[in-house]
């Protein structure tokens, strides 16, 4: 019983040292995920539209769920 309690305390102490990092989702990544199609021409067209829509260094605003 003491071993189980020791292991649980050890796990709690170790888990408190892990830092959670917020995911960095950019506009292009969010847009290009929807471009998956069997036709490569349409996929390239969609990808190009995402490049134009998002531009360099743009971030997604709002809720993505």
C-alpha atoms as a PDB file:
ATOM      1  CA  UNK A   1       0.000   0.000   0.000  1.00  0.00           C
ATOM      2  CA  UNK A   2       2.855   2.377   0.809  1.00  0.00           C
ATOM      3  CA  UNK A   3       4.433   1.686  -2.579  1.00  0.00           C
ATOM      4  CA  UNK A   4       1.226   2.637  -4.403  1.00  0.00           C
ATOM      5  CA  UNK A   5       0.904   5.852  -2.398  1.00  0.00           C
ATOM      6  CA  UNK A   6       4.554   6.683  -3.075  1.00  0.00           C
ATOM      7  CA  UNK A   7       4.131   6.077  -6.804  1.00  0.00           C
ATOM      8  CA  UNK A   8       0.995   8.251  -6.909  1.00  0.00           C
ATOM      9  CA  UNK A   9       2.716  11.106  -5.091  1.00  0.00           C
ATOM     10  CA  UNK A  10       5.716  10.767  -7.388  1.00  0.00           C
ATOM     11  CA  UNK A  11       3.456  10.920 -10.477  1.00  0.00           C
ATOM     12  CA  UNK A  12       1.689  14.030  -9.172  1.00  0.00           C
ATOM     13  CA  UNK A  13       4.992  15.769  -8.466  1.00  0.00           C
ATOM     14  CA  UNK A  14       6.403  14.863 -11.879  1.00  0.00           C
ATOM     15  CA  UNK A  15       3.220  15.853 -13.745  1.00  0.00           C
ATOM     16  CA  UNK A  16       3.221  19.291 -12.129  1.00  0.00           C
ATOM     17  CA  UNK A  17       6.546  20.033 -13.845  1.00  0.00           C
ATOM     18  CA  UNK A  18       5.181  19.502 -17.344  1.00  0.00           C
ATOM     19  CA  UNK A  19       4.243  22.740 -19.071  1.00  0.00           C
ATOM     20  CA  UNK A  20       1.352  22.807 -21.485  1.00  0.00           C
ATOM     21  CA  UNK A  21       1.892  24.783 -24.654  1.00  0.00           C
ATOM     22  CA  UNK A  22      -0.917  26.399 -26.603  1.00  0.00           C
ATOM     23  CA  UNK A  23      -1.031  25.175 -30.202  1.00  0.00           C
ATOM     24  CA  UNK A  24      -0.112  27.769 -32.805  1.00  0.00           C
ATOM     25  CA  UNK A  25      -2.587  27.330 -35.651  1.00  0.00           C
ATOM     26  CA  UNK A  26      -2.053  29.608 -38.574  1.00  0.00           C
ATOM     27  CA  UNK A  27      -4.560  30.592 -41.239  1.00  0.00           C
ATOM     28  CA  UNK A  28      -2.864  28.671 -44.044  1.00  0.00           C
ATOM     29  CA  UNK A  29      -2.762  25.419 -42.072  1.00  0.00           C
ATOM     30  CA  UNK A  30      -6.431  25.702 -41.128  1.00  0.00           C
ATOM     31  CA  UNK A  31      -7.426  26.503 -44.715  1.00  0.00           C
ATOM     32  CA  UNK A  32      -5.252  23.937 -46.509  1.00  0.00           C
ATOM     33  CA  UNK A  33      -6.552  21.113 -44.313  1.00  0.00           C
ATOM     34  CA  UNK A  34      -9.860  21.418 -46.170  1.00  0.00           C
ATOM     35  CA  UNK A  35      -8.137  21.136 -49.577  1.00  0.00           C
ATOM     36  CA  UNK A  36      -7.768  17.344 -49.558  1.00  0.00           C
ATOM     37  CA  UNK A  37      -9.321  16.009 -52.772  1.00  0.00           C
ATOM     38  CA  UNK A  38      -8.621  13.125 -55.156  1.00  0.00           C
ATOM     39  CA  UNK A  39      -8.195  15.562 -58.062  1.00  0.00           C
ATOM     40  CA  UNK A  40      -4.727  17.148 -57.798  1.00  0.00           C
ATOM     41  CA  UNK A  41      -5.689  20.092 -59.990  1.00  0.00           C
ATOM     42  CA  UNK A  42      -8.545  21.071 -57.664  1.00  0.00           C
ATOM     43  CA  UNK A  43      -6.323  20.504 -54.661  1.00  0.00           C
ATOM     44  CA  UNK A  44      -3.641  22.828 -56.070  1.00  0.00           C
ATOM     45  CA  UNK A  45      -6.303  25.419 -56.887  1.00  0.00           C
ATOM     46  CA  UNK A  46      -7.664  25.277 -53.347  1.00  0.00           C
ATOM     47  CA  UNK A  47      -4.135  25.521 -51.949  1.00  0.00           C
ATOM     48  CA  UNK A  48      -3.445  28.605 -54.060  1.00  0.00           C
ATOM     49  CA  UNK A  49      -6.679  30.210 -52.813  1.00  0.00           C
ATOM     50  CA  UNK A  50      -5.515  29.567 -49.258  1.00  0.00           C
ATOM     51  CA  UNK A  51      -2.188  31.246 -50.006  1.00  0.00           C
ATOM     52  CA  UNK A  52      -3.997  34.309 -51.363  1.00  0.00           C
ATOM     53  CA  UNK A  53      -6.591  34.375 -48.569  1.00  0.00           C
ATOM     54  CA  UNK A  54      -4.154  33.958 -45.707  1.00  0.00           C
ATOM     55  CA  UNK A  55      -1.089  35.784 -46.947  1.00  0.00           C
ATOM     56  CA  UNK A  56       2.174  35.729 -44.999  1.00  0.00           C
ATOM     57  CA  UNK A  57       2.141  35.608 -41.191  1.00  0.00           C
ATOM     58  CA  UNK A  58      -1.621  35.611 -40.717  1.00  0.00           C
ATOM     59  CA  UNK A  59      -3.226  33.902 -37.731  1.00  0.00           C
ATOM     60  CA  UNK A  60      -6.681  32.380 -37.323  1.00  0.00           C
ATOM     61  CA  UNK A  61      -9.031  34.535 -35.259  1.00  0.00           C
ATOM     62  CA  UNK A  62     -11.917  33.112 -33.304  1.00  0.00           C
ATOM     63  CA  UNK A  63     -13.068  29.638 -32.364  1.00  0.00           C
ATOM     64  CA  UNK A  64     -11.945  26.739 -34.563  1.00  0.00           C
ATOM     65  CA  UNK A  65     -14.080  23.961 -33.052  1.00  0.00           C
END
